[in-house]
């Protein structure tokens, strides 16, 4: 009997130990299930966003393709005709905020190109570069430039006539 009284703590201690172990296992299982749920939700959202982004790129590419075909088919191009073609090319694609035409101009022909641009309906046309914070600056020396000649905006923002897009590799491509 004395031995039994000395070991009275074994049963409550065993129950407490088993309870703690079961609680830890339940917490671990719930945490894993929650992680799986969150990971699945994020994967679905990212897949949906990627598909949405691809669709928007595809639609924008279609407008640019239509614009390129129209420009190639109809050589004489002025501001009014470009605006008409760009508006038709955009169609109902509300995510396209602007369409621009930036022809390749060799360095030696920049001055003549500026005069031609003024004659085509873009008064005060000058080719320029921009600083990283988008401030106008003089042209950097390059073999060729891609200045924006025609710029049609479908959302309110300032036009960028004359901006030489070829300064940065990403824009040049």
Protein backbone atom coordinates (compact mmCIF):
# COMPACT_ATOMS: atom_id res chain seq x y z
CA UNK A 1 0.00 0.00 0.00
CA UNK A 2 2.87 2.31 0.80
CA UNK A 3 4.36 1.65 -2.62
CA UNK A 4 1.06 2.49 -4.28
CA UNK A 5 0.83 5.81 -2.42
CA UNK A 6 4.31 6.77 -3.44
CA UNK A 7 3.43 6.28 -7.11
CA UNK A 8 0.08 8.09 -7.15
CA UNK A 9 1.55 10.73 -9.50
CA UNK A 10 2.24 8.26 -12.35
CA UNK A 11 -1.37 8.15 -13.64
CA UNK A 12 -1.95 11.95 -13.71
CA UNK A 13 1.51 12.51 -15.15
CA UNK A 14 0.91 9.91 -17.87
CA UNK A 15 -2.46 11.46 -18.74
CA UNK A 16 -0.88 14.92 -18.87
CA UNK A 17 2.00 13.68 -21.02
CA UNK A 18 -0.36 11.92 -23.44
CA UNK A 19 -2.54 15.05 -23.57
CA UNK A 20 0.44 17.28 -24.38
CA UNK A 21 1.62 14.84 -27.06
CA UNK A 22 -1.86 14.68 -28.63
CA UNK A 23 -2.15 18.48 -28.51
CA UNK A 24 1.22 18.91 -30.22
CA UNK A 25 0.22 16.38 -32.90
CA UNK A 26 -3.12 18.14 -33.45
CA UNK A 27 -1.39 21.54 -33.72
CA UNK A 28 1.19 20.16 -36.17
CA UNK A 29 -1.53 18.54 -38.31
CA UNK A 30 -3.64 21.72 -38.35
CA UNK A 31 -0.61 23.84 -39.26
CA UNK A 32 0.28 21.55 -42.18
CA UNK A 33 -3.32 21.58 -43.41
CA UNK A 34 -3.42 25.38 -43.20
CA UNK A 35 -0.10 25.65 -45.07
CA UNK A 36 -1.43 23.36 -47.81
CA UNK A 37 -4.63 25.41 -48.07
CA UNK A 38 -2.73 28.70 -48.33
CA UNK A 39 -0.23 27.28 -50.84
CA UNK A 40 -3.07 25.93 -53.00
CA UNK A 41 -4.89 29.27 -52.92
CA UNK A 42 -1.73 31.18 -53.86
CA UNK A 43 -0.92 28.77 -56.67
CA UNK A 44 -4.43 29.15 -58.09
CA UNK A 45 -4.27 32.93 -57.85
CA UNK A 46 -0.84 33.13 -59.45
CA UNK A 47 -1.93 30.82 -62.26
CA UNK A 48 -5.04 32.94 -62.84
CA UNK A 49 -2.98 36.16 -62.85
CA UNK A 50 -0.45 34.67 -65.27
CA UNK A 51 -3.20 33.60 -67.68
CA UNK A 52 -4.83 37.03 -67.42
CA UNK A 53 -1.50 38.73 -68.09
CA UNK A 54 -0.81 36.47 -71.09
CA UNK A 55 -4.25 37.26 -72.51
CA UNK A 56 -3.63 41.01 -72.16
CA UNK A 57 -0.25 40.70 -73.86
CA UNK A 58 -1.83 38.69 -76.66
CA UNK A 59 -4.56 41.32 -77.12
CA UNK A 60 -2.04 44.17 -77.10
CA UNK A 61 0.05 42.27 -79.64
CA UNK A 62 -2.96 41.93 -81.89
CA UNK A 63 -3.51 45.70 -81.90
CA UNK A 64 0.15 46.33 -82.65
CA UNK A 65 0.08 43.72 -85.45
CA UNK A 66 -2.98 45.34 -87.01
CA UNK A 67 -1.30 48.73 -86.75
CA UNK A 68 1.93 47.43 -88.32
CA UNK A 69 0.08 45.83 -91.24
CA UNK A 70 -1.91 49.02 -91.88
CA UNK A 71 1.23 51.17 -91.79
CA UNK A 72 3.14 48.80 -94.07
CA UNK A 73 0.25 48.66 -96.55
CA UNK A 74 -0.29 52.41 -96.69
CA UNK A 75 3.06 54.20 -97.07
CA UNK A 76 2.10 57.90 -96.74
CA UNK A 77 1.35 58.36 -93.04
CA UNK A 78 0.43 61.52 -91.14
CA UNK A 79 -0.83 62.25 -87.63
CA UNK A 80 -4.51 62.11 -88.57
CA UNK A 81 -4.25 58.86 -90.52
CA UNK A 82 -2.17 57.25 -87.76
CA UNK A 83 -4.78 58.27 -85.16
CA UNK A 84 -7.54 56.73 -87.26
CA UNK A 85 -5.60 53.46 -87.79
CA UNK A 86 -4.59 53.28 -84.12
CA UNK A 87 -8.16 53.81 -82.93
CA UNK A 88 -9.41 51.01 -85.19
CA UNK A 89 -6.52 48.74 -84.17
CA UNK A 90 -7.25 49.26 -80.49
CA UNK A 91 -10.90 48.36 -80.93
CA UNK A 92 -12.49 47.66 -77.57
CA UNK A 93 -9.26 46.70 -75.76
CA UNK A 94 -9.55 49.11 -72.83
CA UNK A 95 -6.19 48.01 -71.39
CA UNK A 96 -4.29 49.61 -74.30
CA UNK A 97 -3.60 53.18 -73.18
CA UNK A 98 -1.50 54.38 -76.11
CA UNK A 99 -0.11 53.35 -79.47
CA UNK A 100 2.99 54.95 -80.97
CA UNK A 101 4.94 54.85 -84.19
CA UNK A 102 8.72 55.20 -83.82
CA UNK A 103 10.61 54.67 -87.09
CA UNK A 104 14.34 53.91 -87.26
CA UNK A 105 16.35 57.06 -87.98
CA UNK A 106 20.12 56.95 -88.60
CA UNK A 107 22.17 59.54 -86.70
CA UNK A 108 23.02 61.54 -89.85
CA UNK A 109 19.32 61.95 -90.74
CA UNK A 110 17.96 63.26 -87.42
CA UNK A 111 17.77 66.94 -88.49
CA UNK A 112 15.99 66.08 -91.75
CA UNK A 113 13.65 63.77 -89.86
CA UNK A 114 12.71 66.58 -87.45
CA UNK A 115 11.79 68.79 -90.41
CA UNK A 116 9.72 66.01 -92.00
CA UNK A 117 7.89 65.45 -88.69
CA UNK A 118 6.90 69.12 -88.53
CA UNK A 119 5.63 68.85 -92.12
CA UNK A 120 3.59 65.75 -91.19
CA UNK A 121 1.59 67.60 -88.55
CA UNK A 122 3.75 67.51 -85.42
CA UNK A 123 4.74 71.17 -84.84
CA UNK A 124 7.91 71.90 -82.85
CA UNK A 125 9.12 68.31 -83.18
CA UNK A 126 12.55 67.60 -81.64
CA UNK A 127 14.19 64.22 -80.96
CA UNK A 128 15.33 63.87 -77.34
CA UNK A 129 16.41 61.36 -74.70
CA UNK A 130 15.28 61.22 -71.09
CA UNK A 131 17.14 60.84 -67.83
CA UNK A 132 16.27 57.96 -65.47
CA UNK A 133 13.75 60.26 -63.74
CA UNK A 134 12.13 61.08 -67.14
CA UNK A 135 13.51 64.61 -67.59
CA UNK A 136 14.30 65.69 -71.16
CA UNK A 137 17.97 65.65 -72.08
CA UNK A 138 20.11 65.90 -75.22
CA UNK A 139 20.49 62.89 -77.48
CA UNK A 140 23.24 60.48 -76.58
CA UNK A 141 25.51 59.44 -79.43
CA UNK A 142 24.17 56.27 -81.08
CA UNK A 143 24.26 54.92 -84.62
CA UNK A 144 20.46 55.04 -84.89
CA UNK A 145 17.45 56.34 -83.03
CA UNK A 146 13.80 55.29 -82.70
CA UNK A 147 12.01 58.59 -81.98
CA UNK A 148 8.24 58.56 -81.40
CA UNK A 149 6.75 60.27 -84.43
CA UNK A 150 3.05 59.62 -83.88
CA UNK A 151 1.50 59.11 -80.45
CA UNK A 152 -2.18 58.36 -79.87
CA UNK A 153 -3.32 58.38 -76.22
CA UNK A 154 -6.55 56.64 -75.15
CA UNK A 155 -6.09 57.58 -71.50
CA UNK A 156 -5.18 61.03 -70.19
CA UNK A 157 -1.40 61.49 -70.18
CA UNK A 158 1.13 63.64 -71.96
CA UNK A 159 2.29 62.66 -75.46
CA UNK A 160 5.92 61.75 -75.99
CA UNK A 161 6.56 63.03 -79.52
CA UNK A 162 10.30 62.90 -80.20
CA UNK A 163 11.28 60.55 -77.36
CA UNK A 164 14.10 58.35 -78.66
CA UNK A 165 13.14 54.88 -77.48
CA UNK A 166 16.42 53.20 -78.39
CA UNK A 167 18.51 54.47 -75.48
CA UNK A 168 17.75 51.47 -73.23
CA UNK A 169 18.01 47.90 -74.48
CA UNK A 170 14.48 47.00 -73.36
CA UNK A 171 12.91 49.87 -75.28
CA UNK A 172 15.07 49.27 -78.33
CA UNK A 173 13.89 45.67 -78.58
